[in-house]
Amino acid sequence: MFWNGLFGIVIEAYMEFLVSSALNFTAPSSDQFGELISKYVSWFCTAMTLVICPMAFYYVFKLPIQKLSDEHFERKWGALYEGIQLKNKWQAAYYAVFCGRRVLFVMTAFFITNNPC
């Protein structure tokens, strides 16, 4: 149950996590306690969106479609393919593509600001 809720939050707020971590990494450093906590939260957000969530998508997609329909498995990992028809792997990959598009958008917004055209 823990992973299902955590991945549900991460998928819904994927772009917000990416933007907040990018803003915190580009901010000037400070030794204040709140700023240090903010940096740690930024590292957590980055790890969730760019490492843990893609690894979870990979784990789920390498399994057969029949396993995804299992009730026990769905309770634990169902947020990664919730509300999606599970006829083939491409349909189950909807949220992975959705999150990938968001990563590209945020990278474009933050790293191509010097050359907008």
Protein backbone atom coordinates (compact mmCIF):
# COMPACT_ATOMS: atom_id res chain seq x y z
CA MET A 1 0.00 0.00 0.00
CA PHE A 2 2.86 2.40 0.76
CA TRP A 3 4.34 2.35 -2.75
CA ASN A 4 0.96 2.75 -4.43
CA GLY A 5 0.22 5.99 -2.58
CA LEU A 6 3.73 7.34 -3.01
CA PHE A 7 3.79 6.67 -6.76
CA GLY A 8 0.31 8.14 -7.11
CA ILE A 9 1.53 11.40 -5.59
CA VAL A 10 4.73 11.41 -7.65
CA ILE A 11 2.90 10.86 -10.95
CA GLU A 12 0.32 13.55 -10.22
CA ALA A 13 2.94 16.10 -9.13
CA TYR A 14 5.78 15.03 -11.45
CA MET A 15 6.30 18.43 -13.04
CA GLU A 16 6.02 20.26 -9.73
CA PHE A 17 8.70 18.05 -8.18
CA LEU A 18 11.00 18.64 -11.15
CA VAL A 19 10.48 22.41 -11.18
CA SER A 20 10.96 22.76 -7.42
CA SER A 21 14.14 20.72 -7.45
CA ALA A 22 15.53 22.65 -10.44
CA LEU A 23 14.74 25.98 -8.76
CA ASN A 24 16.42 24.90 -5.53
CA PHE A 25 19.52 23.69 -7.36
CA THR A 26 19.88 26.98 -9.25
CA ALA A 27 19.33 29.13 -6.15
CA PRO A 28 22.36 30.63 -4.42
CA SER A 29 23.62 28.48 -1.59
CA SER A 30 23.09 29.46 2.01
CA ASP A 31 24.03 27.95 5.35
CA GLN A 32 20.68 28.63 7.00
CA PHE A 33 18.85 25.62 8.40
CA GLY A 34 15.79 26.08 6.18
CA GLU A 35 17.93 26.28 3.07
CA LEU A 36 19.73 23.07 3.99
CA ILE A 37 16.42 21.29 4.46
CA SER A 38 15.32 22.67 1.10
CA LYS A 39 18.41 21.22 -0.58
CA TYR A 40 17.74 17.79 0.93
CA VAL A 41 14.12 17.91 -0.21
CA SER A 42 15.38 18.88 -3.68
CA TRP A 43 17.65 15.84 -3.78
CA PHE A 44 14.73 13.65 -2.70
CA CYS A 45 12.45 15.13 -5.38
CA THR A 46 15.11 14.64 -8.03
CA ALA A 47 15.74 11.07 -6.96
CA MET A 48 12.02 10.28 -7.00
CA THR A 49 11.39 11.75 -10.43
CA LEU A 50 14.57 10.82 -12.28
CA VAL A 51 15.68 7.57 -10.62
CA ILE A 52 13.10 5.76 -8.49
CA CYS A 53 10.00 6.36 -10.60
CA PRO A 54 11.66 5.31 -13.92
CA MET A 55 13.02 2.19 -12.20
CA ALA A 56 9.53 1.37 -10.95
CA PHE A 57 8.11 1.86 -14.46
CA TYR A 58 10.79 -0.47 -15.82
CA TYR A 59 10.02 -3.09 -13.15
CA VAL A 60 6.30 -2.99 -13.93
CA PHE A 61 6.75 -3.05 -17.71
CA LYS A 62 9.04 -6.06 -17.79
CA LEU A 63 6.29 -8.15 -16.15
CA PRO A 64 3.64 -9.93 -18.23
CA ILE A 65 0.29 -8.17 -18.70
CA GLN A 66 -1.50 -10.91 -16.73
CA LYS A 67 0.58 -10.10 -13.64
CA LEU A 68 -0.56 -6.47 -13.80
CA SER A 69 -4.17 -7.62 -13.43
CA ASP A 70 -3.42 -9.51 -10.21
CA GLU A 71 -5.27 -7.87 -7.30
CA HIS A 72 -2.41 -8.13 -4.80
CA PHE A 73 0.10 -6.69 -7.29
CA GLU A 74 -2.31 -3.92 -8.30
CA ARG A 75 -2.78 -2.85 -4.68
CA LYS A 76 0.97 -2.36 -4.37
CA TRP A 77 1.95 -1.00 -7.82
CA GLY A 78 -1.39 -0.02 -9.39
CA ALA A 79 -0.73 3.73 -9.36
CA LEU A 80 1.78 3.25 -12.19
CA TYR A 81 -0.97 2.09 -14.57
CA GLU A 82 -4.21 3.13 -12.86
CA GLY A 83 -7.17 3.73 -15.16
CA ILE A 84 -5.36 2.36 -18.23
CA GLN A 85 -6.60 -0.49 -20.40
CA LEU A 86 -4.12 -3.31 -20.14
CA LYS A 87 -4.39 -4.96 -23.56
CA ASN A 88 -0.71 -4.48 -24.44
CA LYS A 89 2.51 -2.97 -23.12
CA TRP A 90 2.13 0.27 -25.07
CA GLN A 91 -1.13 1.06 -23.33
CA ALA A 92 0.39 0.26 -19.95
CA ALA A 93 3.28 2.63 -20.77
CA TYR A 94 1.02 5.69 -20.89
CA TYR A 95 2.20 7.19 -17.58
CA ALA A 96 5.86 6.51 -18.39
CA VAL A 97 5.52 8.50 -21.64
CA PHE A 98 3.51 11.13 -19.78
CA CYS A 99 6.29 11.57 -17.20
CA GLY A 100 8.98 11.52 -19.88
CA ARG A 101 7.28 14.39 -21.70
CA ARG A 102 7.22 16.37 -18.48
CA VAL A 103 10.92 15.78 -17.89
CA LEU A 104 11.69 17.04 -21.40
CA PHE A 105 9.51 20.11 -20.89
CA VAL A 106 11.18 21.08 -17.61
CA MET A 107 14.67 20.46 -19.02
CA THR A 108 13.79 22.63 -21.99
CA ALA A 109 12.45 25.40 -19.77
CA PHE A 110 15.49 25.46 -17.48
CA PHE A 111 18.43 24.57 -19.68
CA ILE A 112 17.64 26.25 -22.98
CA THR A 113 16.82 29.69 -21.59
CA ASN A 114 19.93 31.30 -23.08
CA ASN A 115 18.97 30.32 -26.63
CA PRO A 116 15.16 30.45 -26.84
CA CYS A 117 14.89 29.88 -30.60
